[in-house]
Amino acid sequence: MWTAAFWKATAERAIRTFAQALAAVLVAGATNLVDAPWGAAFATAGLAALLAVLTAIGASEVGGKGPGITESPRAAVGRGQRRA
């Protein structure tokens, strides 16, 4: 997380997410699925980009290594970690 490469990749991911979310809201508005003004469309896309950045930070393995969402604590102990 403390490298320029991490932040470059995170920025690319956030920009891509922003564009995808904006396109989705605008297409939904154009097809009358959602009545979203431009301001709301940009706010939605901005929130999606922020969540992409927060997801990257959360997944950056900063701090102690523990079990992931799909792992049980017992499986983590089996990989050499001590049980707390």
Protein backbone atom coordinates (compact mmCIF):
# COMPACT_ATOMS: atom_id res chain seq x y z
CA MET A 1 0.00 0.00 0.00
CA TRP A 2 2.95 2.31 0.49
CA THR A 3 4.21 2.15 -3.08
CA ALA A 4 3.60 4.29 -6.15
CA ALA A 5 2.63 1.15 -8.09
CA PHE A 6 -0.18 0.43 -5.63
CA TRP A 7 -1.61 3.94 -5.95
CA LYS A 8 -1.26 3.92 -9.75
CA ALA A 9 -3.17 0.64 -9.97
CA THR A 10 -5.74 1.92 -7.47
CA ALA A 11 -6.24 5.14 -9.45
CA GLU A 12 -6.72 3.17 -12.68
CA ARG A 13 -9.24 0.92 -10.94
CA ALA A 14 -11.11 3.91 -9.48
CA ILE A 15 -11.28 5.70 -12.86
CA ARG A 16 -12.51 2.53 -14.56
CA THR A 17 -15.14 2.03 -11.83
CA PHE A 18 -16.22 5.68 -12.11
CA ALA A 19 -16.70 5.34 -15.87
CA GLN A 20 -18.58 2.05 -15.56
CA ALA A 21 -20.93 3.38 -12.88
CA LEU A 22 -21.55 6.61 -14.79
CA ALA A 23 -22.30 4.68 -17.98
CA ALA A 24 -24.66 2.35 -16.11
CA VAL A 25 -26.63 5.22 -14.56
CA LEU A 26 -26.79 7.17 -17.81
CA VAL A 27 -27.94 4.12 -19.80
CA ALA A 28 -30.52 3.36 -17.14
CA GLY A 29 -31.71 6.97 -17.39
CA ALA A 30 -31.81 6.87 -21.19
CA THR A 31 -33.92 3.71 -21.17
CA ASN A 32 -36.28 5.13 -18.51
CA LEU A 33 -35.29 2.49 -15.96
CA VAL A 34 -34.10 5.20 -13.58
CA ASP A 35 -34.82 8.93 -13.64
CA ALA A 36 -31.39 10.23 -12.63
CA PRO A 37 -30.24 13.81 -13.27
CA TRP A 38 -26.61 14.40 -14.26
CA GLY A 39 -25.64 15.47 -10.72
CA ALA A 40 -26.97 12.26 -9.22
CA ALA A 41 -25.26 10.22 -11.92
CA PHE A 42 -21.89 11.82 -11.16
CA ALA A 43 -22.44 11.45 -7.40
CA THR A 44 -23.22 7.76 -7.84
CA ALA A 45 -20.14 7.25 -10.00
CA GLY A 46 -17.99 9.14 -7.48
CA LEU A 47 -19.24 6.98 -4.63
CA ALA A 48 -18.48 3.84 -6.65
CA ALA A 49 -14.94 5.12 -7.30
CA LEU A 50 -14.46 5.87 -3.60
CA LEU A 51 -15.59 2.35 -2.73
CA ALA A 52 -13.09 0.95 -5.25
CA VAL A 53 -10.29 2.86 -3.49
CA LEU A 54 -11.44 1.72 -0.05
CA THR A 55 -11.64 -1.88 -1.29
CA ALA A 56 -8.07 -1.67 -2.60
CA ILE A 57 -6.86 -0.30 0.74
CA GLY A 58 -8.74 -2.98 2.65
CA ALA A 59 -7.31 -5.73 0.48
CA SER A 60 -3.73 -4.42 0.63
CA GLU A 61 -2.65 -6.76 3.45
CA VAL A 62 -1.75 -3.94 5.81
CA GLY A 63 -1.66 -5.12 9.39
CA GLY A 64 -1.74 -8.61 10.77
CA LYS A 65 -2.58 -11.48 8.45
CA GLY A 66 -5.74 -13.23 9.49
CA PRO A 67 -8.30 -15.50 7.90
CA GLY A 68 -10.02 -14.14 4.82
CA ILE A 69 -13.73 -14.13 4.17
CA THR A 70 -13.66 -17.62 2.71
CA GLU A 71 -11.22 -19.12 5.23
CA SER A 72 -11.93 -20.45 8.68
CA PRO A 73 -9.69 -19.47 11.61
CA ARG A 74 -8.68 -23.11 11.95
CA ALA A 75 -7.37 -23.13 8.32
CA ALA A 76 -5.24 -20.05 9.08
CA VAL A 77 -3.77 -21.76 12.14
CA GLY A 78 -2.85 -24.72 9.95
CA ARG A 79 -0.69 -22.39 7.81
CA GLY A 80 1.60 -21.60 10.70
CA GLN A 81 -0.35 -18.91 12.53
CA ARG A 82 -1.00 -19.18 16.22
CA ARG A 83 -4.53 -19.13 17.55
CA ALA A 84 -5.27 -15.96 19.59
